[in-house]
Every structure is written in structure tokens, then in C-alpha cells.
Amino acid sequence: MSEGANRISFETRIGVDIKGEMWNCVEIPDSVEFFGTGRSVRVDAVVDAVALENVGAMVTGTGGHMLSLSAKVRKSLGKEIGDTVQVTVTKRQ
């Protein structure tokens, strides 16, 4: 994982367990410290080569944040739950 003041990059697997259900999301490590809040925030992200602009980093309910990956995004990636992706998240100014 690499970090800057406004950007964080990491490798992770698609899939976040929310109350026993696996969601098509990626969890952002150390997100509360990075964003400075436990509330939802707007971000820009790149997942592998797919850019996601002005998307919501939602709270996980366990003290972190996650990005949802729609069916369209997963199709563009050619990936599903359990597959590994490289993610870069940038705070919106």
C-alpha cells in the first residue's frame, strides 16, 4: 500500500462481507484515518485501468469505507467477487 496526502493505492480482492452477505465492493484500508471521517465521502478512483469519477466511498458498518463495483465496471474489468484488483483512491477537493 502506498499513500500520499490525497491519494492511497493498494491491492485487494473484490468482495466485502456485510452482515453475512458478500457485496461487489472493495474495502479501502485505513480509510477513516485517510479521509478523516467515518462518514461517506466522494472520491475519484481507478480500479485496474477503469476510472471511476466522483463516486461514493460508503461506510462498511465496521469502521471503514468501501467502493461499490457495478456490473458494468466488473464487466469492463473482466473480474468478479474474489478476484484481485489494484486500486487508487483520490480525495475530491
N, C-alpha and C. Protein backbone atom coordinates (compact mmCIF):
# COMPACT_ATOMS: atom_id res chain seq x y z
N MET A 1 0.85 -1.17 0.00
CA MET A 1 0.00 0.00 0.00
C MET A 1 0.90 1.24 0.00
N SER A 2 0.54 2.20 -0.83
CA SER A 2 1.28 3.46 -0.82
C SER A 2 0.30 4.60 -0.57
N GLU A 3 0.79 5.62 0.11
CA GLU A 3 -0.08 6.72 0.50
C GLU A 3 0.57 8.05 0.21
N GLY A 4 -0.27 9.03 -0.05
CA GLY A 4 0.13 10.42 -0.13
C GLY A 4 -0.91 11.20 0.65
N ALA A 5 -0.80 12.51 0.65
CA ALA A 5 -1.76 13.32 1.39
C ALA A 5 -3.17 13.18 0.85
N ASN A 6 -3.30 13.04 -0.47
CA ASN A 6 -4.63 12.98 -1.09
C ASN A 6 -4.91 11.69 -1.84
N ARG A 7 -3.97 10.75 -1.82
CA ARG A 7 -4.12 9.54 -2.63
C ARG A 7 -3.62 8.32 -1.87
N ILE A 8 -4.32 7.20 -2.07
CA ILE A 8 -3.91 5.93 -1.48
C ILE A 8 -4.04 4.85 -2.55
N SER A 9 -3.04 3.98 -2.66
CA SER A 9 -3.07 2.88 -3.62
C SER A 9 -2.86 1.57 -2.87
N PHE A 10 -3.58 0.54 -3.31
CA PHE A 10 -3.49 -0.76 -2.64
C PHE A 10 -4.01 -1.85 -3.57
N GLU A 11 -3.66 -3.08 -3.23
CA GLU A 11 -4.17 -4.25 -3.94
C GLU A 11 -5.13 -4.97 -3.00
N THR A 12 -6.26 -5.41 -3.53
CA THR A 12 -7.25 -6.07 -2.69
C THR A 12 -8.10 -7.01 -3.53
N ARG A 13 -8.92 -7.79 -2.87
CA ARG A 13 -9.87 -8.66 -3.56
C ARG A 13 -11.24 -7.99 -3.59
N ILE A 14 -11.98 -8.25 -4.66
CA ILE A 14 -13.35 -7.78 -4.75
C ILE A 14 -14.20 -8.62 -3.80
N GLY A 15 -15.01 -7.94 -2.99
CA GLY A 15 -15.90 -8.64 -2.07
C GLY A 15 -15.75 -8.14 -0.65
N VAL A 16 -16.83 -7.61 -0.11
CA VAL A 16 -16.85 -7.14 1.28
C VAL A 16 -18.04 -7.80 1.97
N ASP A 17 -17.78 -8.47 3.09
CA ASP A 17 -18.84 -9.14 3.85
C ASP A 17 -19.60 -8.10 4.67
N ILE A 18 -20.87 -7.92 4.33
CA ILE A 18 -21.74 -7.00 5.05
C ILE A 18 -22.88 -7.82 5.66
N LYS A 19 -22.81 -8.00 6.97
CA LYS A 19 -23.84 -8.74 7.70
C LYS A 19 -24.14 -10.09 7.07
N GLY A 20 -23.09 -10.82 6.71
CA GLY A 20 -23.24 -12.17 6.17
C GLY A 20 -23.48 -12.26 4.68
N GLU A 21 -23.56 -11.12 4.00
CA GLU A 21 -23.73 -11.10 2.54
C GLU A 21 -22.48 -10.54 1.90
N MET A 22 -22.05 -11.14 0.78
CA MET A 22 -20.86 -10.66 0.08
C MET A 22 -21.29 -9.62 -0.96
N TRP A 23 -20.80 -8.39 -0.78
CA TRP A 23 -21.13 -7.29 -1.68
C TRP A 23 -20.02 -7.12 -2.72
N ASN A 24 -20.40 -6.64 -3.91
CA ASN A 24 -19.46 -6.39 -5.00
C ASN A 24 -18.75 -5.05 -4.77
N CYS A 25 -17.89 -5.04 -3.77
CA CYS A 25 -17.19 -3.82 -3.36
C CYS A 25 -15.73 -4.14 -3.08
N VAL A 26 -14.93 -3.08 -2.97
CA VAL A 26 -13.57 -3.22 -2.45
C VAL A 26 -13.45 -2.35 -1.22
N GLU A 27 -12.83 -2.91 -0.18
CA GLU A 27 -12.66 -2.16 1.07
C GLU A 27 -11.38 -1.33 1.01
N ILE A 28 -11.45 -0.11 1.49
CA ILE A 28 -10.32 0.82 1.49
C ILE A 28 -9.61 0.69 2.84
N PRO A 29 -8.36 0.23 2.85
CA PRO A 29 -7.67 0.05 4.13
C PRO A 29 -7.37 1.39 4.81
N ASP A 30 -7.46 1.39 6.14
CA ASP A 30 -7.15 2.58 6.95
C ASP A 30 -7.90 3.82 6.47
N SER A 31 -9.13 3.62 6.01
CA SER A 31 -9.88 4.69 5.36
C SER A 31 -10.29 5.82 6.30
N VAL A 32 -10.63 5.51 7.54
CA VAL A 32 -11.06 6.57 8.46
C VAL A 32 -9.90 7.54 8.70
N GLU A 33 -8.70 7.00 8.88
CA GLU A 33 -7.53 7.85 9.06
C GLU A 33 -7.26 8.65 7.78
N PHE A 34 -7.38 8.01 6.62
CA PHE A 34 -7.10 8.66 5.35
C PHE A 34 -8.08 9.80 5.07
N PHE A 35 -9.39 9.53 5.25
CA PHE A 35 -10.41 10.54 4.97
C PHE A 35 -10.64 11.51 6.12
N GLY A 36 -10.28 11.09 7.34
CA GLY A 36 -10.50 11.94 8.50
C GLY A 36 -11.94 11.92 8.98
N THR A 37 -12.71 10.93 8.56
CA THR A 37 -14.10 10.80 8.97
C THR A 37 -14.57 9.36 8.81
N GLY A 38 -15.59 9.00 9.57
CA GLY A 38 -16.23 7.70 9.44
C GLY A 38 -17.51 7.77 8.61
N ARG A 39 -17.75 8.93 7.99
CA ARG A 39 -18.95 9.11 7.16
C ARG A 39 -18.61 8.89 5.69
N SER A 40 -19.65 8.71 4.88
CA SER A 40 -19.46 8.55 3.44
C SER A 40 -18.81 9.79 2.85
N VAL A 41 -17.94 9.58 1.85
CA VAL A 41 -17.25 10.68 1.18
C VAL A 41 -17.24 10.44 -0.32
N ARG A 42 -17.05 11.50 -1.10
CA ARG A 42 -16.94 11.41 -2.55
C ARG A 42 -15.46 11.32 -2.92
N VAL A 43 -15.14 10.42 -3.86
CA VAL A 43 -13.76 10.20 -4.27
C VAL A 43 -13.68 9.98 -5.78
N ASP A 44 -12.48 10.06 -6.31
CA ASP A 44 -12.16 9.56 -7.64
C ASP A 44 -11.35 8.30 -7.40
N ALA A 45 -11.54 7.30 -8.26
CA ALA A 45 -10.81 6.05 -8.08
C ALA A 45 -10.44 5.47 -9.43
N VAL A 46 -9.38 4.66 -9.42
CA VAL A 46 -9.01 3.85 -10.58
C VAL A 46 -8.89 2.43 -10.08
N VAL A 47 -9.64 1.54 -10.69
CA VAL A 47 -9.60 0.12 -10.35
C VAL A 47 -9.02 -0.58 -11.56
N ASP A 48 -7.83 -1.15 -11.41
CA ASP A 48 -7.03 -1.62 -12.54
C ASP A 48 -6.97 -0.44 -13.53
N ALA A 49 -7.50 -0.53 -14.71
CA ALA A 49 -7.41 0.59 -15.66
C ALA A 49 -8.73 1.34 -15.80
N VAL A 50 -9.71 1.01 -14.98
CA VAL A 50 -11.03 1.62 -15.11
C VAL A 50 -11.17 2.79 -14.14
N ALA A 51 -11.41 3.98 -14.70
CA ALA A 51 -11.56 5.20 -13.88
C ALA A 51 -12.99 5.35 -13.40
N LEU A 52 -13.15 5.70 -12.13
CA LEU A 52 -14.44 5.97 -11.52
C LEU A 52 -14.37 7.38 -10.95
N GLU A 53 -15.14 8.30 -11.52
CA GLU A 53 -15.06 9.69 -11.10
C GLU A 53 -16.24 10.07 -10.21
N ASN A 54 -15.93 10.80 -9.15
CA ASN A 54 -16.94 11.33 -8.22
C ASN A 54 -17.90 10.24 -7.73
N VAL A 55 -17.32 9.17 -7.19
CA VAL A 55 -18.12 8.06 -6.65
C VAL A 55 -18.11 8.11 -5.13
N GLY A 56 -19.08 7.47 -4.52
CA GLY A 56 -19.18 7.46 -3.08
C GLY A 56 -18.38 6.34 -2.45
N ALA A 57 -17.58 6.69 -1.45
CA ALA A 57 -16.94 5.69 -0.60
C ALA A 57 -17.89 5.52 0.59
N MET A 58 -18.62 4.41 0.59
CA MET A 58 -19.65 4.17 1.59
C MET A 58 -19.04 3.57 2.85
N VAL A 59 -19.71 3.79 3.98
CA VAL A 59 -19.25 3.18 5.22
C VAL A 59 -19.59 1.69 5.21
N THR A 60 -18.71 0.90 5.82
CA THR A 60 -18.90 -0.55 5.85
C THR A 60 -19.77 -1.02 7.01
N GLY A 61 -19.90 -0.18 8.03
CA GLY A 61 -20.60 -0.60 9.23
C GLY A 61 -19.66 -1.22 10.24
N THR A 62 -18.40 -1.40 9.85
CA THR A 62 -17.40 -1.96 10.77
C THR A 62 -16.23 -1.00 10.95
N GLY A 63 -16.47 0.29 10.67
CA GLY A 63 -15.45 1.30 10.90
C GLY A 63 -14.56 1.61 9.71
N GLY A 64 -15.00 1.30 8.52
CA GLY A 64 -14.20 1.60 7.33
C GLY A 64 -15.06 2.09 6.19
N HIS A 65 -14.48 2.14 5.00
CA HIS A 65 -15.17 2.57 3.79
C HIS A 65 -14.97 1.54 2.69
N MET A 66 -15.89 1.55 1.73
CA MET A 66 -15.79 0.65 0.58
C MET A 66 -16.30 1.35 -0.67
N LEU A 67 -15.82 0.88 -1.82
CA LEU A 67 -16.28 1.35 -3.12
C LEU A 67 -17.07 0.24 -3.77
N SER A 68 -18.25 0.58 -4.25
CA SER A 68 -19.08 -0.39 -4.95
C SER A 68 -18.61 -0.52 -6.40
N LEU A 69 -18.56 -1.75 -6.90
CA LEU A 69 -18.20 -2.01 -8.29
C LEU A 69 -19.42 -2.57 -9.01
N SER A 70 -20.04 -1.75 -9.85
CA SER A 70 -21.25 -2.15 -10.56
C SER A 70 -20.95 -3.30 -11.53
N ALA A 71 -22.01 -3.92 -12.01
CA ALA A 71 -21.87 -5.00 -13.00
C ALA A 71 -21.14 -4.49 -14.24
N LYS A 72 -21.42 -3.25 -14.65
CA LYS A 72 -20.76 -2.66 -15.82
C LYS A 72 -19.26 -2.52 -15.58
N VAL A 73 -18.89 -2.05 -14.39
CA VAL A 73 -17.47 -1.91 -14.06
C VAL A 73 -16.79 -3.27 -14.00
N ARG A 74 -17.42 -4.24 -13.34
CA ARG A 74 -16.84 -5.58 -13.25
C ARG A 74 -16.69 -6.21 -14.63
N LYS A 75 -17.63 -5.97 -15.53
CA LYS A 75 -17.53 -6.49 -16.90
C LYS A 75 -16.34 -5.84 -17.61
N SER A 76 -16.17 -4.52 -17.45
CA SER A 76 -15.02 -3.82 -18.04
C SER A 76 -13.70 -4.38 -17.52
N LEU A 77 -13.69 -4.73 -16.24
CA LEU A 77 -12.50 -5.30 -15.61
C LEU A 77 -12.29 -6.76 -16.00
N GLY A 78 -13.39 -7.44 -16.34
CA GLY A 78 -13.32 -8.88 -16.56
C GLY A 78 -13.11 -9.63 -15.25
N LYS A 79 -13.66 -9.07 -14.17
CA LYS A 79 -13.44 -9.65 -12.84
C LYS A 79 -14.73 -9.71 -12.04
N GLU A 80 -14.74 -10.60 -11.04
CA GLU A 80 -15.89 -10.80 -10.15
C GLU A 80 -15.41 -10.92 -8.71
N ILE A 81 -16.34 -11.20 -7.81
CA ILE A 81 -16.01 -11.38 -6.39
C ILE A 81 -14.90 -12.42 -6.25
N GLY A 82 -13.90 -12.08 -5.45
CA GLY A 82 -12.78 -12.98 -5.19
C GLY A 82 -11.55 -12.68 -6.04
N ASP A 83 -11.73 -11.93 -7.14
CA ASP A 83 -10.60 -11.57 -7.99
C ASP A 83 -9.84 -10.38 -7.39
N THR A 84 -8.55 -10.32 -7.65
CA THR A 84 -7.68 -9.27 -7.13
C THR A 84 -7.63 -8.09 -8.10
N VAL A 85 -7.65 -6.88 -7.53
CA VAL A 85 -7.56 -5.65 -8.32
C VAL A 85 -6.58 -4.69 -7.66
N GLN A 86 -6.02 -3.80 -8.47
CA GLN A 86 -5.17 -2.71 -7.99
C GLN A 86 -6.05 -1.46 -7.94
N VAL A 87 -6.09 -0.79 -6.80
CA VAL A 87 -6.99 0.35 -6.60
C VAL A 87 -6.20 1.58 -6.18
N THR A 88 -6.55 2.73 -6.78
CA THR A 88 -6.03 4.02 -6.34
C THR A 88 -7.23 4.91 -6.04
N VAL A 89 -7.28 5.46 -4.85
CA VAL A 89 -8.37 6.34 -4.42
C VAL A 89 -7.79 7.73 -4.18
N THR A 90 -8.44 8.73 -4.74
CA THR A 90 -8.01 10.12 -4.58
C THR A 90 -9.14 10.91 -3.94
N LYS A 91 -8.81 11.67 -2.88
CA LYS A 91 -9.80 12.54 -2.25
C LYS A 91 -10.24 13.60 -3.24
N ARG A 92 -11.52 13.93 -3.25
CA ARG A 92 -12.03 15.04 -4.08
C ARG A 92 -11.83 16.34 -3.33
N GLN A 93 -11.43 17.35 -4.03
CA GLN A 93 -11.18 18.67 -3.41
C GLN A 93 -12.42 19.52 -3.40
